[in-house]
Amino acid sequence: EIMPSLVGSEMCIRDRKKVANLDAYREQLKEMERRFGKMLRQLPSKAEIANLLTDISHTRAAAGLDEELFQPLGEVTRDFYAEVPSRMIVVGNYHQLATFISGISSMPRIVTVHNVNITPTGKGKAKGNEKTSSLRMTLIAKTYRYLDESDFAEVEGQ
């Protein structure tokens, strides 16, 4: 009879420890929810996507690049977000390409760059006594947006 009471006491001690840690767990959960909310705010809504694509185009122009192509591609739905990719082809010198990529990376919204390919155009511009080579950069710029209730309703309706 000693053994069952020991087992019961052990279980009671474990349960007390869990209860004692409950407040800490609740605080940890609140912190995780706060961080998740902060990350979600970095994802634009459906309505903000057009503005973000315009911001990317303005960043390209501010870097002094010529645009050969800006082609939004189909949205790709993931668990709780959607990828919004756009294919881009821009032309400029190395410094302008780097300025553009740096500008994209410093945007307040999340934009990632994929499948980058840089090739010489065979053309150059005279700048003082130097000739700068013109480069063509092809890339896929992806931004992300969170899925709202209407997106989930559309998926369920299909």
N, C-alpha and C. Protein backbone atom coordinates (compact mmCIF):
# COMPACT_ATOMS: atom_id res chain seq x y z
N GLU A 1 0.80 -1.20 0.00
CA GLU A 1 0.00 0.00 0.00
C GLU A 1 0.85 1.26 0.00
N ILE A 2 2.09 1.14 0.34
CA ILE A 2 2.98 2.29 0.33
C ILE A 2 3.20 2.74 -1.11
N MET A 3 3.36 1.79 -2.03
CA MET A 3 3.66 2.11 -3.43
C MET A 3 2.57 2.95 -4.09
N PRO A 4 1.29 2.59 -4.02
CA PRO A 4 0.27 3.43 -4.65
C PRO A 4 0.24 4.85 -4.07
N SER A 5 0.48 5.02 -2.79
CA SER A 5 0.44 6.36 -2.22
C SER A 5 1.65 7.18 -2.69
N LEU A 6 2.80 6.54 -2.89
CA LEU A 6 3.97 7.23 -3.42
C LEU A 6 3.72 7.70 -4.84
N VAL A 7 3.13 6.83 -5.65
CA VAL A 7 2.82 7.19 -7.03
C VAL A 7 1.83 8.34 -7.05
N GLY A 8 0.84 8.29 -6.19
CA GLY A 8 -0.14 9.37 -6.11
C GLY A 8 0.50 10.68 -5.68
N SER A 9 1.44 10.61 -4.72
CA SER A 9 2.13 11.81 -4.26
C SER A 9 2.99 12.41 -5.37
N GLU A 10 3.68 11.53 -6.12
CA GLU A 10 4.50 12.01 -7.24
C GLU A 10 3.65 12.73 -8.26
N MET A 11 2.49 12.15 -8.60
CA MET A 11 1.60 12.78 -9.58
C MET A 11 1.09 14.12 -9.06
N CYS A 12 0.80 14.18 -7.77
CA CYS A 12 0.32 15.42 -7.17
C CYS A 12 1.40 16.50 -7.23
N ILE A 13 2.65 16.14 -6.99
CA ILE A 13 3.76 17.09 -7.06
C ILE A 13 3.93 17.60 -8.49
N ARG A 14 3.88 16.68 -9.47
CA ARG A 14 4.00 17.10 -10.87
C ARG A 14 2.88 18.05 -11.26
N ASP A 15 1.66 17.75 -10.83
CA ASP A 15 0.52 18.62 -11.13
C ASP A 15 0.69 19.99 -10.49
N ARG A 16 1.22 20.04 -9.29
CA ARG A 16 1.45 21.33 -8.63
C ARG A 16 2.49 22.15 -9.39
N LYS A 17 3.54 21.47 -9.87
CA LYS A 17 4.56 22.19 -10.64
C LYS A 17 3.97 22.76 -11.92
N LYS A 18 3.11 21.98 -12.58
CA LYS A 18 2.46 22.47 -13.79
C LYS A 18 1.60 23.70 -13.49
N VAL A 19 0.86 23.64 -12.40
CA VAL A 19 0.00 24.76 -12.02
C VAL A 19 0.86 25.97 -11.66
N ALA A 20 1.98 25.74 -10.98
CA ALA A 20 2.86 26.84 -10.60
C ALA A 20 3.44 27.52 -11.84
N ASN A 21 3.67 26.76 -12.89
CA ASN A 21 4.23 27.31 -14.12
C ASN A 21 3.17 27.85 -15.07
N LEU A 22 1.91 27.70 -14.74
CA LEU A 22 0.84 28.09 -15.64
C LEU A 22 0.89 29.57 -15.98
N ASP A 23 1.13 30.43 -15.01
CA ASP A 23 1.21 31.86 -15.29
C ASP A 23 2.37 32.18 -16.23
N ALA A 24 3.50 31.52 -16.02
CA ALA A 24 4.65 31.73 -16.91
C ALA A 24 4.30 31.27 -18.33
N TYR A 25 3.60 30.15 -18.45
CA TYR A 25 3.19 29.67 -19.78
C TYR A 25 2.22 30.65 -20.45
N ARG A 26 1.32 31.20 -19.66
CA ARG A 26 0.37 32.18 -20.22
C ARG A 26 1.10 33.42 -20.71
N GLU A 27 2.07 33.90 -19.93
CA GLU A 27 2.87 35.06 -20.35
C GLU A 27 3.65 34.75 -21.62
N GLN A 28 4.21 33.55 -21.68
CA GLN A 28 4.96 33.14 -22.86
C GLN A 28 4.04 33.10 -24.08
N LEU A 29 2.83 32.59 -23.92
CA LEU A 29 1.86 32.54 -25.01
C LEU A 29 1.48 33.94 -25.47
N LYS A 30 1.27 34.87 -24.52
CA LYS A 30 0.96 36.26 -24.89
C LYS A 30 2.09 36.87 -25.70
N GLU A 31 3.33 36.61 -25.29
CA GLU A 31 4.50 37.14 -26.00
C GLU A 31 4.58 36.56 -27.41
N MET A 32 4.32 35.27 -27.55
CA MET A 32 4.34 34.64 -28.86
C MET A 32 3.25 35.22 -29.75
N GLU A 33 2.05 35.44 -29.20
CA GLU A 33 0.96 36.02 -29.97
C GLU A 33 1.31 37.45 -30.40
N ARG A 34 1.97 38.22 -29.52
CA ARG A 34 2.38 39.59 -29.84
C ARG A 34 3.39 39.58 -30.99
N ARG A 35 4.36 38.68 -30.90
CA ARG A 35 5.38 38.59 -31.97
C ARG A 35 4.75 38.15 -33.28
N PHE A 36 3.84 37.19 -33.23
CA PHE A 36 3.17 36.71 -34.44
C PHE A 36 2.38 37.84 -35.07
N GLY A 37 1.67 38.62 -34.23
CA GLY A 37 0.91 39.76 -34.74
C GLY A 37 1.82 40.79 -35.41
N LYS A 38 2.98 41.02 -34.80
CA LYS A 38 3.95 41.96 -35.37
C LYS A 38 4.44 41.46 -36.73
N MET A 39 4.71 40.16 -36.83
CA MET A 39 5.15 39.61 -38.11
C MET A 39 4.04 39.67 -39.16
N LEU A 40 2.81 39.41 -38.74
CA LEU A 40 1.69 39.48 -39.68
C LEU A 40 1.51 40.89 -40.23
N ARG A 41 1.79 41.90 -39.40
CA ARG A 41 1.66 43.28 -39.88
C ARG A 41 2.67 43.60 -40.97
N GLN A 42 3.75 42.81 -41.06
CA GLN A 42 4.71 43.00 -42.13
C GLN A 42 4.19 42.42 -43.45
N LEU A 43 3.15 41.63 -43.37
CA LEU A 43 2.54 41.08 -44.57
C LEU A 43 1.38 41.98 -44.97
N PRO A 44 1.41 42.52 -46.17
CA PRO A 44 0.32 43.41 -46.58
C PRO A 44 -0.99 42.65 -46.80
N SER A 45 -2.07 43.37 -46.74
CA SER A 45 -3.38 42.79 -47.05
C SER A 45 -3.55 42.79 -48.56
N LYS A 46 -4.63 42.21 -49.01
CA LYS A 46 -4.94 42.17 -50.44
C LYS A 46 -4.96 43.57 -51.04
N ALA A 47 -5.54 44.50 -50.31
CA ALA A 47 -5.69 45.87 -50.82
C ALA A 47 -4.35 46.60 -50.91
N GLU A 48 -3.38 46.20 -50.10
CA GLU A 48 -2.09 46.90 -50.07
C GLU A 48 -1.10 46.39 -51.12
N ILE A 49 -1.38 45.26 -51.75
CA ILE A 49 -0.44 44.66 -52.70
C ILE A 49 -0.15 45.59 -53.87
N ALA A 50 -1.16 46.22 -54.44
CA ALA A 50 -0.94 47.12 -55.58
C ALA A 50 0.03 48.24 -55.20
N ASN A 51 -0.14 48.80 -54.01
CA ASN A 51 0.76 49.86 -53.55
C ASN A 51 2.18 49.35 -53.38
N LEU A 52 2.32 48.13 -52.88
CA LEU A 52 3.65 47.57 -52.69
C LEU A 52 4.34 47.34 -54.03
N LEU A 53 3.61 46.86 -55.02
CA LEU A 53 4.19 46.67 -56.35
C LEU A 53 4.60 48.01 -56.95
N THR A 54 3.82 49.04 -56.69
CA THR A 54 4.18 50.39 -57.14
C THR A 54 5.45 50.85 -56.43
N ASP A 55 5.57 50.55 -55.14
CA ASP A 55 6.77 50.92 -54.39
C ASP A 55 8.01 50.23 -54.96
N ILE A 56 7.87 48.99 -55.36
CA ILE A 56 9.00 48.27 -55.97
C ILE A 56 9.39 48.96 -57.28
N SER A 57 8.41 49.34 -58.07
CA SER A 57 8.68 50.03 -59.33
C SER A 57 9.35 51.39 -59.08
N HIS A 58 8.91 52.12 -58.05
CA HIS A 58 9.53 53.41 -57.70
C HIS A 58 10.97 53.21 -57.24
N THR A 59 11.22 52.12 -56.51
CA THR A 59 12.57 51.81 -56.05
C THR A 59 13.48 51.56 -57.24
N ARG A 60 12.96 50.88 -58.25
CA ARG A 60 13.71 50.63 -59.48
C ARG A 60 14.05 51.94 -60.18
N ALA A 61 13.07 52.82 -60.30
CA ALA A 61 13.28 54.10 -60.97
C ALA A 61 14.27 54.98 -60.18
N ALA A 62 14.15 54.97 -58.86
CA ALA A 62 15.05 55.77 -58.02
C ALA A 62 16.50 55.29 -58.13
N ALA A 63 16.68 54.01 -58.42
CA ALA A 63 18.02 53.46 -58.59
C ALA A 63 18.59 53.80 -59.96
N GLY A 64 17.74 54.33 -60.84
CA GLY A 64 18.20 54.71 -62.18
C GLY A 64 18.19 53.58 -63.19
N LEU A 65 17.46 52.53 -62.89
CA LEU A 65 17.39 51.38 -63.80
C LEU A 65 16.30 51.57 -64.84
N ASP A 66 16.54 51.01 -66.02
CA ASP A 66 15.51 50.95 -67.06
C ASP A 66 14.75 49.65 -66.86
N GLU A 67 13.45 49.70 -67.08
CA GLU A 67 12.63 48.51 -66.91
C GLU A 67 12.28 47.93 -68.28
N GLU A 68 12.63 46.67 -68.48
CA GLU A 68 12.25 45.99 -69.71
C GLU A 68 10.99 45.16 -69.51
N LEU A 69 10.79 44.69 -68.28
CA LEU A 69 9.62 43.86 -68.01
C LEU A 69 9.24 43.95 -66.54
N PHE A 70 7.96 44.09 -66.28
CA PHE A 70 7.40 43.94 -64.93
C PHE A 70 6.13 43.14 -65.11
N GLN A 71 6.19 41.86 -64.77
CA GLN A 71 5.09 40.95 -65.06
C GLN A 71 4.62 40.26 -63.78
N PRO A 72 3.51 40.72 -63.21
CA PRO A 72 2.96 40.00 -62.06
C PRO A 72 2.58 38.57 -62.47
N LEU A 73 2.96 37.62 -61.64
CA LEU A 73 2.65 36.22 -61.89
C LEU A 73 1.50 35.80 -60.98
N GLY A 74 1.01 34.61 -61.16
CA GLY A 74 -0.13 34.15 -60.35
C GLY A 74 0.21 33.99 -58.89
N GLU A 75 -0.72 34.37 -58.06
CA GLU A 75 -0.57 34.25 -56.61
C GLU A 75 -0.53 32.77 -56.21
N VAL A 76 0.33 32.45 -55.24
CA VAL A 76 0.46 31.06 -54.75
C VAL A 76 0.03 31.03 -53.29
N THR A 77 -1.03 30.28 -52.98
CA THR A 77 -1.56 30.20 -51.63
C THR A 77 -0.80 29.18 -50.81
N ARG A 78 -0.40 29.58 -49.61
CA ARG A 78 0.27 28.71 -48.65
C ARG A 78 -0.65 28.55 -47.44
N ASP A 79 -0.11 28.08 -46.30
CA ASP A 79 -0.93 27.81 -45.12
C ASP A 79 -1.75 29.02 -44.66
N PHE A 80 -1.08 30.10 -44.27
CA PHE A 80 -1.78 31.28 -43.75
C PHE A 80 -1.40 32.54 -44.51
N TYR A 81 -0.66 32.38 -45.59
CA TYR A 81 -0.23 33.53 -46.38
C TYR A 81 -0.25 33.16 -47.86
N ALA A 82 -0.08 34.15 -48.71
CA ALA A 82 0.01 33.93 -50.15
C ALA A 82 1.27 34.61 -50.66
N GLU A 83 1.96 33.93 -51.58
CA GLU A 83 3.11 34.53 -52.26
C GLU A 83 2.57 35.29 -53.47
N VAL A 84 3.11 36.48 -53.69
CA VAL A 84 2.72 37.30 -54.83
C VAL A 84 3.99 37.60 -55.63
N PRO A 85 4.32 36.72 -56.60
CA PRO A 85 5.56 36.90 -57.35
C PRO A 85 5.37 37.79 -58.58
N SER A 86 6.45 38.48 -58.94
CA SER A 86 6.48 39.29 -60.16
C SER A 86 7.83 39.05 -60.84
N ARG A 87 7.79 38.83 -62.14
CA ARG A 87 9.02 38.67 -62.91
C ARG A 87 9.45 40.05 -63.38
N MET A 88 10.75 40.33 -63.21
CA MET A 88 11.25 41.65 -63.59
C MET A 88 12.52 41.49 -64.40
N ILE A 89 12.67 42.38 -65.37
CA ILE A 89 13.92 42.53 -66.11
C ILE A 89 14.26 44.00 -66.09
N VAL A 90 15.44 44.32 -65.53
CA VAL A 90 15.89 45.71 -65.43
C VAL A 90 17.30 45.81 -66.02
N VAL A 91 17.63 47.01 -66.48
CA VAL A 91 18.93 47.24 -67.12
C VAL A 91 19.58 48.46 -66.49
N GLY A 92 20.87 48.33 -66.17
CA GLY A 92 21.63 49.44 -65.61
C GLY A 92 23.03 48.97 -65.30
N ASN A 93 23.79 49.81 -64.60
CA ASN A 93 25.14 49.38 -64.25
C ASN A 93 25.11 48.63 -62.91
N TYR A 94 26.25 48.11 -62.54
CA TYR A 94 26.34 47.28 -61.34
C TYR A 94 25.88 48.06 -60.10
N HIS A 95 26.33 49.28 -59.96
CA HIS A 95 25.96 50.09 -58.80
C HIS A 95 24.44 50.30 -58.73
N GLN A 96 23.82 50.55 -59.87
CA GLN A 96 22.36 50.75 -59.90
C GLN A 96 21.62 49.47 -59.50
N LEU A 97 22.11 48.32 -59.98
CA LEU A 97 21.49 47.04 -59.61
C LEU A 97 21.58 46.83 -58.09
N ALA A 98 22.77 47.11 -57.54
CA ALA A 98 22.97 46.93 -56.10
C ALA A 98 22.09 47.89 -55.30
N THR A 99 21.96 49.13 -55.78
CA THR A 99 21.11 50.11 -55.11
C THR A 99 19.66 49.65 -55.10
N PHE A 100 19.21 49.08 -56.21
CA PHE A 100 17.84 48.57 -56.31
C PHE A 100 17.60 47.42 -55.32
N ILE A 101 18.50 46.45 -55.30
CA ILE A 101 18.34 45.30 -54.39
C ILE A 101 18.38 45.78 -52.94
N SER A 102 19.27 46.72 -52.63
CA SER A 102 19.35 47.27 -51.28
C SER A 102 18.05 47.98 -50.92
N GLY A 103 17.50 48.72 -51.87
CA GLY A 103 16.23 49.43 -51.63
C GLY A 103 15.09 48.48 -51.35
N ILE A 104 15.04 47.37 -52.08
CA ILE A 104 13.99 46.37 -51.86
C ILE A 104 14.13 45.77 -50.46
N SER A 105 15.38 45.46 -50.08
CA SER A 105 15.59 44.81 -48.78
C SER A 105 15.27 45.72 -47.60
N SER A 106 15.27 47.03 -47.82
CA SER A 106 14.98 47.94 -46.71
C SER A 106 13.51 48.37 -46.68
N MET A 107 12.68 47.79 -47.52
CA MET A 107 11.25 48.12 -47.50
C MET A 107 10.62 47.62 -46.20
N PRO A 108 9.60 48.31 -45.70
CA PRO A 108 8.98 47.87 -44.45
C PRO A 108 8.21 46.55 -44.60
N ARG A 109 7.81 46.22 -45.80
CA ARG A 109 7.13 44.95 -46.05
C ARG A 109 8.14 43.92 -46.53
N ILE A 110 7.80 42.66 -46.37
CA ILE A 110 8.71 41.59 -46.76
C ILE A 110 8.67 41.41 -48.27
N VAL A 111 9.83 41.55 -48.90
CA VAL A 111 10.01 41.28 -50.33
C VAL A 111 11.28 40.46 -50.45
N THR A 112 11.18 39.31 -51.10
CA THR A 112 12.37 38.48 -51.32
C THR A 112 12.66 38.43 -52.81
N VAL A 113 13.92 38.20 -53.14
CA VAL A 113 14.36 38.17 -54.53
C VAL A 113 14.87 36.77 -54.85
N HIS A 114 14.41 36.21 -55.97
CA HIS A 114 14.74 34.83 -56.35
C HIS A 114 15.18 34.78 -57.81
N ASN A 115 15.87 33.71 -58.15
CA ASN A 115 16.25 33.40 -59.54
C ASN A 115 16.93 34.59 -60.23
N VAL A 116 17.89 35.18 -59.55
CA VAL A 116 18.59 36.34 -60.11
C VAL A 116 19.57 35.87 -61.18
N ASN A 117 19.52 36.55 -62.32
CA ASN A 117 20.45 36.28 -63.42
C ASN A 117 20.91 37.62 -63.97
N ILE A 118 22.24 37.86 -63.93
CA ILE A 118 22.80 39.12 -64.42
C ILE A 118 23.70 38.81 -65.61
N THR A 119 23.43 39.49 -66.73
CA THR A 119 24.23 39.29 -67.94
C THR A 119 24.58 40.65 -68.54
N PRO A 120 25.71 40.73 -69.22
CA PRO A 120 26.05 42.00 -69.89
C PRO A 120 25.14 42.22 -71.08
N THR A 121 24.81 43.48 -71.34
CA THR A 121 23.96 43.79 -72.49
C THR A 121 24.79 44.01 -73.75
N GLY A 122 26.10 44.19 -73.56
CA GLY A 122 26.97 44.50 -74.70
C GLY A 122 27.01 45.98 -74.99
N LYS A 123 26.27 46.74 -74.22
CA LYS A 123 26.24 48.20 -74.39
C LYS A 123 26.90 48.82 -73.16
N GLY A 124 27.39 50.02 -73.33
CA GLY A 124 27.99 50.73 -72.21
C GLY A 124 27.75 52.21 -72.36
N LYS A 125 27.94 52.91 -71.28
CA LYS A 125 27.77 54.36 -71.29
C LYS A 125 29.08 55.01 -70.87
N ALA A 126 29.43 56.08 -71.54
CA ALA A 126 30.63 56.82 -71.17
C ALA A 126 30.31 57.69 -69.96
N LYS A 127 31.16 57.61 -68.94
CA LYS A 127 30.98 58.41 -67.75
C LYS A 127 32.34 59.03 -67.45
N GLY A 128 32.54 60.26 -67.90
CA GLY A 128 33.85 60.90 -67.77
C GLY A 128 34.83 60.20 -68.70
N ASN A 129 35.94 59.77 -68.15
CA ASN A 129 36.93 59.03 -68.94
C ASN A 129 36.70 57.53 -68.87
N GLU A 130 35.69 57.10 -68.09
CA GLU A 130 35.43 55.67 -67.91
C GLU A 130 34.22 55.25 -68.72
N LYS A 131 34.21 53.97 -69.07
CA LYS A 131 33.04 53.41 -69.73
C LYS A 131 32.42 52.40 -68.75
N THR A 132 31.15 52.59 -68.43
CA THR A 132 30.47 51.66 -67.53
C THR A 132 29.69 50.66 -68.36
N SER A 133 29.78 49.41 -67.97
CA SER A 133 29.07 48.36 -68.69
C SER A 133 27.62 48.33 -68.25
N SER A 134 26.77 48.09 -69.21
CA SER A 134 25.35 47.96 -68.93
C SER A 134 25.05 46.49 -68.69
N LEU A 135 24.27 46.22 -67.63
CA LEU A 135 23.93 44.85 -67.25
C LEU A 135 22.42 44.68 -67.27
N ARG A 136 21.99 43.47 -67.58
CA ARG A 136 20.57 43.12 -67.57
C ARG A 136 20.36 42.13 -66.42
N MET A 137 19.44 42.47 -65.53
CA MET A 137 19.14 41.59 -64.40
C MET A 137 17.70 41.08 -64.53
N THR A 138 17.59 39.77 -64.54
CA THR A 138 16.28 39.11 -64.54
C THR A 138 16.08 38.51 -63.15
N LEU A 139 14.91 38.69 -62.58
CA LEU A 139 14.66 38.17 -61.24
C LEU A 139 13.17 37.96 -61.01
N ILE A 140 12.88 37.23 -59.97
CA ILE A 140 11.52 37.10 -59.47
C ILE A 140 11.50 37.77 -58.10
N ALA A 141 10.69 38.81 -57.96
CA ALA A 141 10.49 39.48 -56.67
C ALA A 141 9.20 38.93 -56.08
N LYS A 142 9.29 38.41 -54.86
CA LYS A 142 8.09 37.87 -54.21
C LYS A 142 7.77 38.72 -52.99
N THR A 143 6.53 39.11 -52.90
CA THR A 143 6.04 39.69 -51.67
C THR A 143 5.00 38.72 -51.13
N TYR A 144 4.58 38.95 -49.95
CA TYR A 144 3.69 38.01 -49.28
C TYR A 144 2.56 38.78 -48.64
N ARG A 145 1.39 38.18 -48.62
CA ARG A 145 0.27 38.80 -47.94
C ARG A 145 -0.40 37.74 -47.09
N TYR A 146 -1.01 38.20 -46.01
CA TYR A 146 -1.72 37.24 -45.16
C TYR A 146 -3.07 36.94 -45.77
N LEU A 147 -3.54 35.75 -45.52
CA LEU A 147 -4.86 35.35 -46.00
C LEU A 147 -5.89 35.77 -44.95
N ASP A 148 -6.93 36.45 -45.41
CA ASP A 148 -7.98 36.83 -44.47
C ASP A 148 -9.14 35.84 -44.58
N GLU A 149 -10.20 36.10 -43.83
CA GLU A 149 -11.33 35.18 -43.78
C GLU A 149 -11.95 34.94 -45.15
N SER A 150 -11.99 35.98 -45.99
CA SER A 150 -12.60 35.83 -47.31
C SER A 150 -11.79 34.86 -48.17
N ASP A 151 -10.46 34.83 -48.00
CA ASP A 151 -9.63 33.88 -48.74
C ASP A 151 -9.95 32.45 -48.33
N PHE A 152 -10.11 32.23 -47.03
CA PHE A 152 -10.43 30.88 -46.55
C PHE A 152 -11.82 30.47 -47.01
N ALA A 153 -12.76 31.41 -47.07
CA ALA A 153 -14.10 31.10 -47.55
C ALA A 153 -14.07 30.69 -49.03
N GLU A 154 -13.22 31.37 -49.82
CA GLU A 154 -13.08 31.02 -51.24
C GLU A 154 -12.54 29.61 -51.41
N VAL A 155 -11.53 29.25 -50.59
CA VAL A 155 -10.93 27.92 -50.66
C VAL A 155 -11.95 26.86 -50.28
N GLU A 156 -12.71 27.11 -49.20
CA GLU A 156 -13.72 26.16 -48.76
C GLU A 156 -14.85 25.99 -49.77
N GLY A 157 -15.15 27.05 -50.51
CA GLY A 157 -16.22 27.00 -51.50
C GLY A 157 -15.84 26.24 -52.75
N GLN A 158 -14.57 26.01 -52.96
CA GLN A 158 -14.11 25.30 -54.16
C GLN A 158 -14.16 23.81 -54.00
